Protein backbone atom coordinates (compact mmCIF):
# COMPACT_ATOMS: atom_id res chain seq x y z
CA MET A 1 -13.35 -9.20 -0.49
CA ASP A 2 -11.09 -11.75 0.43
CA LEU A 3 -10.30 -14.04 -2.63
CA GLU A 4 -9.77 -17.90 -1.68
CA LEU A 5 -7.91 -19.52 -4.05
CA ASP A 6 -7.01 -23.38 -4.71
CA SER A 7 -3.52 -24.22 -5.08
CA THR A 8 -3.39 -24.22 -8.68
CA SER A 9 -4.74 -20.82 -8.85
CA GLU A 10 -2.38 -19.24 -6.28
CA LYS A 11 0.49 -20.63 -8.45
CA ILE A 12 -1.09 -18.75 -11.68
CA VAL A 13 -1.68 -15.64 -9.56
CA SER A 14 1.98 -15.39 -8.10
CA ALA A 15 2.81 -16.00 -11.21
CA THR A 16 0.96 -13.26 -13.03
CA PHE A 17 2.20 -11.17 -10.27
CA LYS A 18 5.63 -11.56 -10.93
CA LEU A 19 5.15 -10.78 -14.55
CA LEU A 20 3.55 -7.78 -14.21
CA GLN A 21 6.41 -6.48 -11.86
CA LYS A 22 8.45 -7.76 -14.55
CA ASP A 23 6.90 -6.90 -17.76
CA GLY A 24 4.03 -4.76 -17.38
CA SER A 25 0.48 -5.97 -18.42
CA GLU A 26 0.91 -5.74 -21.78
CA LYS A 27 3.45 -8.19 -22.60
CA ALA A 28 2.42 -10.63 -19.49
CA THR A 29 1.14 -12.96 -22.05
CA THR A 30 -1.05 -15.97 -20.81
CA LYS A 31 1.89 -18.36 -22.44
CA LYS A 32 4.48 -16.72 -20.03
CA ILE A 33 2.18 -16.78 -17.10
CA ALA A 34 1.33 -20.60 -17.90
CA THR A 35 5.07 -21.05 -18.17
CA GLU A 36 6.33 -19.12 -15.11
CA ALA A 37 3.38 -21.04 -13.27
CA GLY A 38 4.30 -24.74 -14.53
CA VAL A 39 0.89 -25.19 -15.66
CA ASN A 40 -0.79 -25.79 -19.34
CA GLU A 41 -2.25 -22.53 -20.63
CA VAL A 42 -5.53 -24.24 -21.13
CA THR A 43 -5.20 -24.30 -17.35
CA ILE A 44 -5.63 -20.78 -17.61
CA PHE A 45 -8.41 -20.12 -19.60
CA ARG A 46 -10.38 -22.75 -17.64
CA LYS A 47 -9.53 -21.19 -13.73
CA PHE A 48 -9.84 -17.46 -15.06
CA GLU A 49 -11.80 -17.34 -18.58
CA ASN A 50 -9.45 -15.35 -20.22
CA LYS A 51 -6.20 -12.69 -19.06
CA LYS A 52 -8.44 -9.73 -18.42
CA ASN A 53 -10.22 -10.98 -15.65
CA LEU A 54 -6.72 -13.03 -14.86
CA ILE A 55 -4.81 -9.46 -14.02
CA GLU A 56 -8.16 -8.36 -12.40
CA ILE A 57 -8.10 -11.20 -9.60
CA THR A 58 -4.54 -11.08 -9.66
CA LYS A 59 -4.12 -7.32 -8.43
CA GLN A 60 -7.50 -7.94 -5.97
CA TYR A 61 -5.53 -10.68 -4.57
CA TYR A 62 -2.66 -8.75 -3.57
CA LEU A 63 -4.15 -6.05 -2.76
CA GLN A 64 -5.88 -7.28 -0.78
CA VAL A 65 -2.40 -8.66 0.79
CA LEU A 66 -1.52 -5.13 1.24
CA ILE A 67 -4.57 -3.98 2.66
CA ASN A 68 -4.50 -6.25 5.65
CA THR A 69 -1.02 -5.55 6.42
CA LEU A 70 -1.34 -1.49 6.11
CA GLU A 71 -4.59 -1.79 8.53
CA GLU A 72 -2.25 -3.98 10.97
CA ILE A 73 0.11 -0.96 10.77
CA PHE A 74 -2.13 1.59 11.41
CA VAL A 75 -4.55 0.27 13.87
CA PHE A 76 -3.87 2.54 17.31
CA ASP A 77 -4.22 1.29 20.71
CA GLU A 78 -6.39 4.19 22.50
CA SER A 79 -3.46 4.54 25.16
CA GLN A 80 -0.87 5.69 22.80
CA THR A 81 0.28 9.09 22.46
CA ILE A 82 0.44 10.48 19.01
CA GLU A 83 4.00 10.39 19.02
CA GLU A 84 4.02 7.06 19.55
CA TYR A 85 1.12 5.94 16.98
CA LEU A 86 3.06 8.12 14.17
CA LYS A 87 6.31 6.34 14.87
CA ILE A 88 4.88 3.35 15.05
CA SER A 89 2.90 3.78 11.53
CA PHE A 90 6.03 5.69 10.14
CA TYR A 91 8.32 2.23 10.92
CA GLY A 92 6.10 0.18 9.75
CA ILE A 93 5.66 1.71 6.34
CA LEU A 94 9.50 1.73 6.13
CA ASN A 95 9.46 -2.15 7.43
CA LEU A 96 6.89 -3.08 4.51
CA SER A 97 8.34 -6.23 2.85
CA ASP A 98 9.68 -6.01 -1.16
CA GLU A 99 6.90 -7.70 -1.63
CA ASP A 100 4.06 -5.26 -0.54
CA PHE A 101 6.57 -2.54 -2.19
CA SER A 102 6.23 -4.37 -5.45
CA ILE A 103 2.37 -4.49 -5.22
CA LEU A 104 2.45 -0.56 -4.74
CA LYS A 105 4.57 -0.37 -7.56
CA VAL A 106 2.09 -2.59 -9.50
CA ALA A 107 -0.77 -0.37 -8.47
CA MET A 108 1.28 2.90 -9.17
CA GLU A 109 1.66 1.80 -12.47
CA GLU A 110 -1.84 1.14 -13.20
CA VAL A 111 -2.62 4.71 -12.80
CA ARG A 112 -1.04 5.24 -15.96
CA GLY A 113 -4.15 3.75 -17.61
CA VAL A 114 -7.62 4.07 -17.22
CA SER A 115 -9.46 2.04 -15.44
CA GLU A 116 -13.38 2.03 -15.31
CA LYS A 117 -12.66 0.55 -11.79
CA LYS A 118 -11.14 2.31 -8.88
CA ASN A 119 -7.39 2.14 -9.23
CA LEU A 120 -5.90 -0.05 -6.88
CA ILE A 121 -3.73 2.87 -5.63
CA SER A 122 -6.77 5.09 -4.10
CA GLU A 123 -8.02 2.13 -2.49
CA VAL A 124 -4.44 1.87 -0.36
CA THR A 125 -4.51 6.01 -0.09
CA ASP A 126 -8.23 5.28 1.39
CA VAL A 127 -7.22 2.91 3.97
CA ILE A 128 -4.00 4.84 5.45
CA LEU A 129 -6.29 8.41 4.91
CA ASN A 130 -8.62 6.58 7.05
CA LYS A 131 -7.19 5.06 9.35
CA LEU A 132 -5.15 8.20 10.01
CA GLU A 133 -7.90 10.30 9.96
CA GLU A 134 -9.99 8.06 12.58
CA PHE A 135 -6.99 8.20 15.08
CA PHE A 136 -6.70 11.76 14.71
CA LYS A 137 -10.51 12.51 15.97
CA PHE A 138 -9.89 10.26 18.93
CA GLN A 139 -7.09 12.58 19.46
CA ILE A 140 -9.23 15.66 19.30
CA ASP A 141 -12.17 13.91 21.33
CA LYS A 142 -9.68 13.49 23.96
CA GLY A 143 -8.35 16.78 24.21
CA THR A 144 -5.05 16.04 22.98
CA VAL A 145 -5.06 18.12 19.76
CA ARG A 146 -6.65 21.44 19.47
CA GLU A 147 -10.33 21.40 18.60
CA ASP A 148 -9.94 23.92 15.57
CA ILE A 149 -7.56 21.19 14.24
CA ASN A 150 -9.53 19.64 11.11
CA SER A 151 -8.95 15.81 11.37
CA LYS A 152 -8.94 15.20 7.80
CA SER A 153 -6.33 17.67 6.99
CA LEU A 154 -3.71 16.56 9.74
CA ALA A 155 -4.39 12.60 8.20
CA ILE A 156 -3.84 14.14 4.56
CA MET A 157 -0.24 16.09 5.94
CA CYS A 158 0.92 12.96 7.82
CA PHE A 159 -0.17 11.19 4.92
CA SER A 160 1.62 12.86 2.59
CA VAL A 161 5.21 12.80 4.47
CA LEU A 162 4.61 9.06 4.58
CA PHE A 163 3.86 8.53 1.06
CA GLN A 164 6.21 11.19 -0.37
CA SER A 165 9.26 10.56 1.73
CA VAL A 166 8.93 6.76 2.22
CA ILE A 167 6.61 4.73 -0.40
CA LEU A 168 7.49 6.57 -3.48
CA TRP A 169 11.35 6.32 -2.55
CA LYS A 170 11.08 2.62 -2.15
CA ILE A 171 8.81 1.76 -4.81
CA TYR A 172 11.10 3.35 -7.35
CA ASP A 173 14.54 2.40 -5.62
CA LYS A 174 15.24 5.45 -4.93
CA ASP A 175 18.89 5.88 -2.78
CA LEU A 176 17.80 7.84 -0.06
CA GLY A 177 20.87 8.87 1.07
CA PHE A 178 19.98 9.23 4.68
CA GLU A 179 18.54 7.63 7.45
CA THR A 180 15.45 7.08 7.62
CA ILE A 181 14.91 6.51 11.49
CA PRO A 182 16.65 10.32 12.04
CA TYR A 183 14.43 11.45 9.44
CA ALA A 184 11.34 10.03 10.72
CA ASP A 185 12.15 11.66 14.19
CA ASP A 186 13.30 15.28 12.50
CA ILE A 187 9.57 14.87 11.15
CA MET A 188 7.82 14.33 14.38
CA ASN A 189 9.94 17.16 15.59
CA ILE A 190 8.74 19.39 13.44
CA LEU A 191 5.07 18.15 14.13
CA PHE A 192 4.98 18.55 17.69
CA GLU A 193 7.11 21.76 18.29
CA GLY A 194 6.04 23.51 14.64
CA ILE A 195 8.70 25.46 12.71
CA ASN A 196 8.72 28.94 14.54
CA PRO A 197 12.22 29.69 16.44
């Protein structure tokens, strides 16, 4: 779902996202949003009807931005080796912008509440898992991965490493205390060489 916004709506959505990051949805009042966007509060209601719609549209807008970025990161060229693809994907996640990680952080905060709609974080997870699984199915068909390997299990394993070791750490500003590129190389080594002596 690609949302088309006029310039005023985009300013309001941008201001809403900024306040969601800073204050959360409860404290992000329409008055604060209007002030941040430099518009009259009535304009918010005219464009979005109510705060709930505005927040939903804001989340969907930024989610689409992130999903487009993730789809670009996880697209694969059939000539790539598994190691090349995983390294490019891992480094792509490492190089996500601060805004992308902010989108993930807002999505993670949403998990705390009950949502009638599918959680944003579930949509992000689905995009990454589906792309990884598609890649591994292709590799199994190509004969570069054993036939008895479940492509979904392999996708989940790689996703877990990416998500836990990069995304969560970056979202919550955890100082990793080590260089990420050698860490990524170590993970690739374990994946391809195993843990047996």
